[in-house]
């Protein structure tokens, strides 16, 4: 199972995950003013779990994940 941690900021987000093949911790910064977040989440395998830092209203983020066909439950 893939698990991704996401630290949301107003203009960007930082995602982190463990590469299941190598065990390496990977990080990536995604700019909100580009199409990076949508492409990143759309490329994840079905069943990936995404945890976010819940310090701000994130309805826009739920819509982004739904658009990438991710379950936001």
C-alpha atoms as a PDB file:
ATOM      1  CA  UNK A   1       0.000   0.000   0.000  1.00  0.00           C
ATOM      2  CA  UNK A   2       1.247   3.473  -0.815  1.00  0.00           C
ATOM      3  CA  UNK A   3       1.014   6.121   1.892  1.00  0.00           C
ATOM      4  CA  UNK A   4       1.730   9.773   1.124  1.00  0.00           C
ATOM      5  CA  UNK A   5       2.079  12.572   3.678  1.00  0.00           C
ATOM      6  CA  UNK A   6       1.200  16.077   2.519  1.00  0.00           C
ATOM      7  CA  UNK A   7       2.125  19.403   4.143  1.00  0.00           C
ATOM      8  CA  UNK A   8      -0.174  22.044   2.591  1.00  0.00           C
ATOM      9  CA  UNK A   9       0.821  25.695   2.232  1.00  0.00           C
ATOM     10  CA  UNK A  10      -1.002  28.494   0.429  1.00  0.00           C
ATOM     11  CA  UNK A  11       1.162  28.444  -2.728  1.00  0.00           C
ATOM     12  CA  UNK A  12       2.663  24.965  -2.651  1.00  0.00           C
ATOM     13  CA  UNK A  13       2.639  21.633  -0.892  1.00  0.00           C
ATOM     14  CA  UNK A  14       5.354  19.198   0.096  1.00  0.00           C
ATOM     15  CA  UNK A  15       4.613  15.499  -0.239  1.00  0.00           C
ATOM     16  CA  UNK A  16       6.652  12.667   1.251  1.00  0.00           C
ATOM     17  CA  UNK A  17       6.442   8.913   0.823  1.00  0.00           C
ATOM     18  CA  UNK A  18       8.515   5.779   1.121  1.00  0.00           C
ATOM     19  CA  UNK A  19       9.630   4.146  -2.117  1.00  0.00           C
ATOM     20  CA  UNK A  20       8.398   0.607  -1.516  1.00  0.00           C
ATOM     21  CA  UNK A  21      11.061  -0.937  -3.773  1.00  0.00           C
ATOM     22  CA  UNK A  22      14.107   0.730  -2.202  1.00  0.00           C
ATOM     23  CA  UNK A  23      12.835   1.818   1.233  1.00  0.00           C
ATOM     24  CA  UNK A  24      14.078   5.343   0.448  1.00  0.00           C
ATOM     25  CA  UNK A  25      12.117   8.303   1.806  1.00  0.00           C
ATOM     26  CA  UNK A  26      11.196  10.564  -1.110  1.00  0.00           C
ATOM     27  CA  UNK A  27      10.000  14.189  -1.017  1.00  0.00           C
ATOM     28  CA  UNK A  28       8.644  16.513  -3.657  1.00  0.00           C
ATOM     29  CA  UNK A  29       7.467  20.142  -3.689  1.00  0.00           C
ATOM     30  CA  UNK A  30       4.382  20.834  -5.835  1.00  0.00           C
ATOM     31  CA  UNK A  31       3.468  24.397  -6.869  1.00  0.00           C
ATOM     32  CA  UNK A  32      -0.262  25.156  -6.730  1.00  0.00           C
ATOM     33  CA  UNK A  33      -0.123  27.644  -9.620  1.00  0.00           C
ATOM     34  CA  UNK A  34       0.912  24.887 -12.005  1.00  0.00           C
ATOM     35  CA  UNK A  35      -0.630  21.540 -12.901  1.00  0.00           C
ATOM     36  CA  UNK A  36       1.865  19.624 -10.753  1.00  0.00           C
ATOM     37  CA  UNK A  37      -0.483  18.562  -7.923  1.00  0.00           C
ATOM     38  CA  UNK A  38      -3.185  17.192 -10.224  1.00  0.00           C
ATOM     39  CA  UNK A  39      -0.668  15.269 -12.330  1.00  0.00           C
ATOM     40  CA  UNK A  40       1.091  13.904  -9.242  1.00  0.00           C
ATOM     41  CA  UNK A  41      -2.081  12.567  -7.604  1.00  0.00           C
ATOM     42  CA  UNK A  42      -3.515  11.250 -10.886  1.00  0.00           C
ATOM     43  CA  UNK A  43      -0.329   9.194 -11.303  1.00  0.00           C
ATOM     44  CA  UNK A  44      -0.668   7.407  -7.964  1.00  0.00           C
ATOM     45  CA  UNK A  45      -1.915   3.823  -7.897  1.00  0.00           C
ATOM     46  CA  UNK A  46      -5.490   3.188  -6.803  1.00  0.00           C
ATOM     47  CA  UNK A  47      -5.733   2.599  -3.088  1.00  0.00           C
ATOM     48  CA  UNK A  48      -2.990   5.051  -2.163  1.00  0.00           C
ATOM     49  CA  UNK A  49      -3.660   6.734   1.192  1.00  0.00           C
ATOM     50  CA  UNK A  50      -3.016  10.446   1.526  1.00  0.00           C
ATOM     51  CA  UNK A  51      -2.671  12.155   4.888  1.00  0.00           C
ATOM     52  CA  UNK A  52      -2.662  15.940   5.148  1.00  0.00           C
ATOM     53  CA  UNK A  53      -1.688  18.401   7.819  1.00  0.00           C
ATOM     54  CA  UNK A  54      -5.136  19.554   8.936  1.00  0.00           C
ATOM     55  CA  UNK A  55      -4.470  23.147   9.974  1.00  0.00           C
ATOM     56  CA  UNK A  56      -6.473  24.904   7.282  1.00  0.00           C
ATOM     57  CA  UNK A  57      -9.706  24.419   5.322  1.00  0.00           C
ATOM     58  CA  UNK A  58      -8.827  22.025   2.513  1.00  0.00           C
ATOM     59  CA  UNK A  59     -12.000  21.536   0.478  1.00  0.00           C
ATOM     60  CA  UNK A  60     -10.069  22.556  -2.646  1.00  0.00           C
ATOM     61  CA  UNK A  61      -7.614  19.726  -1.917  1.00  0.00           C
ATOM     62  CA  UNK A  62     -10.444  17.190  -1.613  1.00  0.00           C
ATOM     63  CA  UNK A  63     -11.760  18.372  -4.997  1.00  0.00           C
ATOM     64  CA  UNK A  64      -8.261  17.985  -6.476  1.00  0.00           C
ATOM     65  CA  UNK A  65      -8.045  14.387  -5.232  1.00  0.00           C
ATOM     66  CA  UNK A  66     -11.564  13.606  -6.457  1.00  0.00           C
ATOM     67  CA  UNK A  67     -10.584  14.939  -9.881  1.00  0.00           C
ATOM     68  CA  UNK A  68      -7.613  12.554  -9.838  1.00  0.00           C
ATOM     69  CA  UNK A  69     -10.055   9.695  -9.103  1.00  0.00           C
ATOM     70  CA  UNK A  70      -8.758   9.253  -5.534  1.00  0.00           C
ATOM     71  CA  UNK A  71     -11.085   8.269  -2.687  1.00  0.00           C
ATOM     72  CA  UNK A  72     -11.463  11.139  -0.210  1.00  0.00           C
ATOM     73  CA  UNK A  73     -13.229   9.326   2.600  1.00  0.00           C
END
